Protein backbone atom coordinates (compact mmCIF):
# COMPACT_ATOMS: atom_id res chain seq x y z
CA MET A 1 166.23 25.69 290.12
CA LEU A 2 163.27 28.34 290.01
CA ILE A 3 160.01 26.91 290.22
CA LYS A 4 156.50 28.16 289.83
CA LEU A 5 153.79 27.59 291.51
CA THR A 6 150.23 28.14 290.41
CA TYR A 7 147.69 27.82 293.26
CA SER A 8 144.59 28.55 294.20
CA PHE A 9 143.09 30.10 297.85
CA ASP A 10 140.15 30.79 299.80
CA GLY A 11 140.82 34.51 300.98
CA SER A 12 138.58 34.53 303.62
CA LYS A 13 140.59 32.76 305.80
CA PHE A 14 143.74 35.38 305.11
CA CYS A 15 144.59 38.59 305.62
CA GLY A 16 145.07 39.55 302.06
CA SER A 17 147.99 37.44 299.57
CA GLN A 18 151.37 39.82 300.95
CA SER A 19 153.15 38.36 303.76
CA GLN A 20 151.76 40.00 307.61
CA PRO A 21 152.87 40.40 310.41
CA ASN A 22 150.31 38.41 312.11
CA LEU A 23 151.97 35.56 309.64
CA LYS A 24 148.20 35.45 308.11
CA GLY A 25 149.17 36.29 304.55
CA VAL A 26 149.10 33.52 301.96
CA GLU A 27 152.65 34.02 301.45
CA ASP A 28 153.21 33.23 305.16
CA LEU A 29 151.47 29.69 304.48
CA LEU A 30 153.70 29.10 301.79
CA LYS A 31 156.78 30.10 303.65
CA ILE A 32 155.75 27.56 306.17
CA ALA A 33 154.89 24.63 303.84
CA LEU A 34 158.10 25.39 302.00
CA SER A 35 159.88 25.41 305.26
CA ARG A 36 158.56 21.83 306.41
CA VAL A 37 160.47 20.35 303.02
CA GLY A 38 163.58 22.59 303.44
CA ILE A 39 163.15 25.02 301.28
CA PHE A 40 163.65 28.82 302.56
CA ASN A 41 164.41 30.93 299.53
CA LYS A 42 162.21 34.49 299.08
CA ILE A 43 158.78 33.71 297.71
CA ILE A 44 158.47 36.41 294.74
CA SER A 45 154.64 36.59 293.77
CA ALA A 46 152.92 37.94 290.81
CA SER A 47 149.81 40.16 292.56
CA ARG A 48 148.76 41.54 295.73
CA THR A 49 145.05 40.85 296.73
CA ASP A 50 143.29 42.56 299.64
CA LYS A 51 141.96 40.80 302.98
CA GLY A 52 139.13 38.49 301.94
CA VAL A 53 139.56 38.48 298.02
CA HIS A 54 140.00 34.50 296.64
CA SER A 55 142.55 33.46 293.91
CA LEU A 56 141.60 30.90 290.97
CA ASN A 57 145.31 31.30 289.73
CA SER A 58 147.99 32.97 291.43
CA ILE A 59 151.79 32.70 290.42
CA SER A 60 154.66 32.34 292.95
CA VAL A 61 158.33 31.58 292.11
CA VAL A 62 161.03 30.36 294.67
CA LYS A 63 164.30 28.64 294.12
CA CYS A 64 164.63 25.40 295.25
CA PRO A 65 167.23 22.51 295.29
CA ASP A 66 167.34 20.69 291.68
CA PHE A 67 166.96 16.92 292.97
CA TRP A 68 163.31 17.76 294.10
CA ASP A 69 160.82 15.90 292.15
CA LEU A 70 157.74 18.08 291.10
CA LEU A 71 155.08 16.05 291.33
CA ARG A 72 156.52 14.70 294.78
CA LEU A 73 156.84 18.38 295.97
CA LYS A 74 153.94 19.37 295.01
CA GLU A 75 151.80 16.32 297.31
CA LEU A 76 154.10 17.34 300.10
CA LEU A 77 153.56 21.55 299.81
CA ASN A 78 149.45 20.37 299.72
CA ARG A 79 149.64 18.47 302.97
CA HIS A 80 150.75 21.56 304.97
CA THR A 81 148.37 24.22 302.73
CA LYS A 82 145.37 22.22 302.47
CA PRO A 83 142.29 22.84 302.81
CA PHE A 84 142.39 26.73 302.39
CA LEU A 85 144.97 26.85 299.96
CA TYR A 86 145.78 24.36 297.05
CA ILE A 87 148.98 24.16 294.95
CA LYS A 88 147.84 23.32 291.34
CA LYS A 89 150.86 22.84 289.25
CA ILE A 90 154.83 23.55 289.81
CA GLU A 91 156.99 23.62 287.07
CA ILE A 92 160.48 24.75 286.09
CA ALA A 93 160.76 28.24 285.31
CA ASP A 94 163.43 30.33 283.44
CA GLU A 95 165.90 31.98 285.91
CA ASN A 96 165.10 35.30 284.36
CA PHE A 97 160.91 34.63 284.98
CA HIS A 98 159.31 37.59 287.06
CA PRO A 99 155.73 36.90 287.92
CA ARG A 100 154.85 40.32 288.31
CA PHE A 101 156.90 42.26 285.70
CA ASP A 102 156.45 39.51 282.89
CA ALA A 103 152.69 39.10 282.97
CA LYS A 104 151.22 40.77 280.16
CA ALA A 105 147.51 40.71 281.49
CA ARG A 106 145.13 39.64 284.52
CA SER A 107 141.44 38.65 284.69
CA TYR A 108 139.55 39.14 287.57
CA ARG A 109 135.70 38.19 288.03
CA TYR A 110 132.95 39.50 290.40
CA ILE A 111 130.08 37.38 291.41
CA LEU A 112 127.02 38.57 292.18
CA ASN A 113 124.09 36.02 294.17
CA HIS A 114 120.57 36.86 293.16
CA GLY A 115 119.11 34.04 295.55
CA LYS A 116 118.08 34.13 299.15
CA PHE A 117 120.69 35.04 301.52
CA SER A 118 122.60 31.91 302.98
CA PRO A 119 125.29 32.45 305.42
CA PHE A 120 127.75 29.45 304.16
CA LEU A 121 128.41 31.45 300.93
CA SER A 122 128.43 34.93 302.20
CA ASN A 123 132.19 34.71 302.41
CA PHE A 124 132.87 33.88 298.12
CA CYS A 125 129.98 36.10 296.55
CA TYR A 126 128.14 39.46 296.95
CA PHE A 127 124.06 39.19 297.56
CA TYR A 128 122.29 41.51 295.85
CA LYS A 129 118.98 41.80 294.23
CA ASP A 130 118.71 40.77 290.18
CA ILE A 131 120.19 42.81 287.34
CA ASP A 132 119.28 43.35 284.01
CA ILE A 133 122.42 42.69 282.46
CA ASN A 134 122.56 45.41 279.40
CA LEU A 135 122.36 48.18 281.61
CA LEU A 136 124.76 47.04 283.90
CA ASN A 137 127.02 46.28 280.67
CA TYR A 138 126.30 50.06 279.97
CA SER A 139 127.93 51.65 283.17
CA LEU A 140 130.72 48.61 282.64
CA LYS A 141 131.69 49.36 279.07
CA LYS A 142 133.09 52.61 280.22
CA PHE A 143 136.02 51.49 281.42
CA GLU A 144 136.89 49.77 278.32
CA GLY A 145 140.15 50.98 276.65
CA TYR A 146 143.62 52.99 277.69
CA ASN A 147 142.72 55.04 280.43
CA ASP A 148 144.04 56.61 283.65
CA PHE A 149 142.34 55.10 286.47
CA GLY A 150 143.86 56.86 289.17
CA LYS A 151 140.47 58.26 290.63
CA PHE A 152 139.59 54.41 290.91
CA MET A 153 142.39 53.59 293.19
CA LYS A 154 142.44 53.00 296.46
CA VAL A 155 145.20 55.37 298.99
CA GLY A 156 148.32 54.25 300.46
CA SER A 157 149.32 52.58 296.84
CA ASP A 158 153.19 53.69 295.80
CA THR A 159 151.96 53.53 292.11
CA LYS A 160 153.21 56.64 289.94
CA ASN A 161 151.63 55.77 286.64
CA PHE A 162 147.67 55.20 286.64
CA LYS A 163 146.79 54.48 283.40
CA ARG A 164 145.94 51.02 282.07
CA ASP A 165 144.52 49.01 279.26
CA MET A 166 141.36 47.58 279.80
CA ILE A 167 141.04 44.63 277.59
CA LYS A 168 137.21 43.76 278.38
CA ALA A 169 134.88 44.75 281.19
CA TYR A 170 131.59 43.11 281.03
CA SER A 171 128.70 40.73 283.04
CA PHE A 172 126.68 37.92 281.89
CA LYS A 173 124.00 35.86 283.66
CA TYR A 174 124.41 32.22 285.09
CA LYS A 175 121.84 30.64 286.42
CA ASN A 176 121.09 33.08 289.85
CA PHE A 177 124.67 34.85 289.48
CA THR A 178 125.77 37.96 287.64
CA ILE A 179 129.31 37.55 286.80
CA ILE A 180 131.25 40.72 286.04
CA LYS A 181 134.56 40.37 284.56
CA PHE A 182 137.47 42.48 283.61
CA LYS A 183 140.67 41.85 281.80
CA ALA A 184 143.87 44.53 281.52
CA ASN A 185 147.45 44.64 281.36
CA GLY A 186 147.10 45.60 285.10
CA PHE A 187 145.06 46.85 288.01
CA LEU A 188 145.94 49.35 290.29
CA ARG A 189 145.04 48.89 294.34
CA SER A 190 141.36 48.37 294.65
CA GLN A 191 140.48 49.14 291.09
CA VAL A 192 138.13 46.55 290.37
CA ARG A 193 136.12 46.69 293.72
CA LEU A 194 135.66 50.45 292.81
CA MET A 195 134.56 49.96 289.32
CA VAL A 196 131.89 47.54 290.45
CA ALA A 197 130.65 49.51 293.39
CA ASN A 198 130.68 52.81 290.34
CA ALA A 199 128.63 50.62 288.08
CA LEU A 200 126.35 49.30 290.69
CA LYS A 201 125.63 52.60 291.82
CA GLU A 202 125.12 53.93 288.56
CA TYR A 203 123.03 51.03 287.78
CA ASP A 204 120.43 51.88 290.55
CA TYR A 205 119.82 55.17 289.17
CA LEU A 206 119.66 54.22 285.76
CA VAL A 207 116.96 51.32 286.25
CA ASN A 208 114.37 53.92 287.13
CA LEU A 209 115.46 56.43 284.35
CA ASP A 210 114.42 56.67 280.74
CA LEU A 211 116.80 55.16 279.02
CA ASN A 212 116.44 57.72 276.04
CA LEU A 213 118.00 60.04 278.09
CA LEU A 214 121.63 57.84 277.78
CA ASN A 215 121.76 58.83 274.40
CA ASN A 216 121.55 63.36 275.60
CA LYS A 217 125.19 64.05 275.72
CA ASN A 218 124.08 67.12 277.93
CA PHE A 219 122.46 64.93 280.21
CA ILE A 220 125.18 62.58 280.51
CA ILE A 221 127.74 65.98 281.60
CA ASN A 222 125.48 67.56 283.93
CA ASN A 223 124.48 64.51 285.78
CA SER A 224 126.57 64.18 288.73
CA LYS A 225 124.96 60.57 289.21
CA ILE A 226 126.35 59.38 285.93
CA PHE A 227 130.28 58.54 286.41
CA ASN A 228 133.18 58.42 284.04
CA ILE A 229 136.33 57.74 284.29
CA ASN A 230 138.01 60.87 285.60
CA GLN A 231 134.88 61.39 287.91
CA PRO A 232 133.57 58.32 289.71
CA ILE A 233 130.58 58.48 292.27
CA THR A 234 131.56 56.75 295.10
CA LYS A 235 135.07 55.71 296.41
CA ILE A 236 133.68 53.01 298.79
CA PRO A 237 134.65 49.58 297.14
CA ALA A 238 132.37 46.56 296.45
CA PRO A 239 132.85 44.12 299.20
CA PRO A 240 136.14 41.95 298.75
CA GLN A 241 134.46 38.66 299.49
CA ALA A 242 132.80 38.19 296.10
CA LEU A 243 136.48 39.22 293.85
CA TYR A 244 138.65 36.56 292.40
CA LEU A 245 141.61 37.04 290.33
CA GLU A 246 140.68 34.53 287.33
CA ARG A 247 143.82 34.38 285.84
CA ILE A 248 147.47 35.82 285.11
CA PHE A 249 148.63 36.11 281.59
CA TYR A 250 151.91 35.74 280.22
CA TYR A 251 151.24 34.90 276.51
C-alpha cells in the first residue's frame, strides 16, 4: 500500500529536505527510520526546502507492506526521527497520488523577531528592527496575482515555466513578531526568500519617504529603489532560518 506521511522538522539540523551525499538531508533521516522497520522503497516528497528552512507540514509518500498498523508504524518511526523530525500523521493514499504534482497550492511563513537577540532563537527567526505593517504590506501586495517570477528565482533550477499564481502575500503582527505569509499554486527555487529580501529592502527605503510619492506613477517608474516583478532590487535572499513551509493544499 502507498502511505502518506505528514511531518514537521527543524531545518537547522539538516542540509535541506532532499537526500544529500553526506546523508544529512531530511529524506535521509526518513530513509534510515523506514529501513529500521523493514521498509526500503523510494520516498517521493511534495517539495524541496533549502538548508536551514523549517517545515510544519511536509508530505512524502512511500510504499509499505499491507500488514502494518499505521499508528504502530508512526510510533516506531518517531523513535528514530525525534527530536529533529516528527511524523504527525500516517494515512493510506490512493495508489495514483503524487505529493508534488497533485498539490494545488502551498503556503509559507517568514518570521521576523523584533525583540532582543537571543542565540537560542537565532535558528528559528530573523532578528529585525520593528516594522510598520501597512508600509510592508504595500510592498508585499505587488507579488499578488498571476505573474512571471523568473527574476525572483535562485540560479540552478531546471524549471522552464516561471509563472505562478500568488494567491496571498501579506504580513501581520503577533506580539513581538511580524509574520509574513505567502500562498501560491507553486514556488520557484528560493522565491520566498527573494521576495522577503526585496520587500524589506524597499521597506527600508520607504520608511523615510513622503508616502504621497507612492501615488506618483512617474516617481515609481523612474525610481530604481522601488521594485516590481520584472525588476528586483536585490538578488540576495533573506536568511533561511526564519522560513517555514506551512501547508501543502490538495483540496
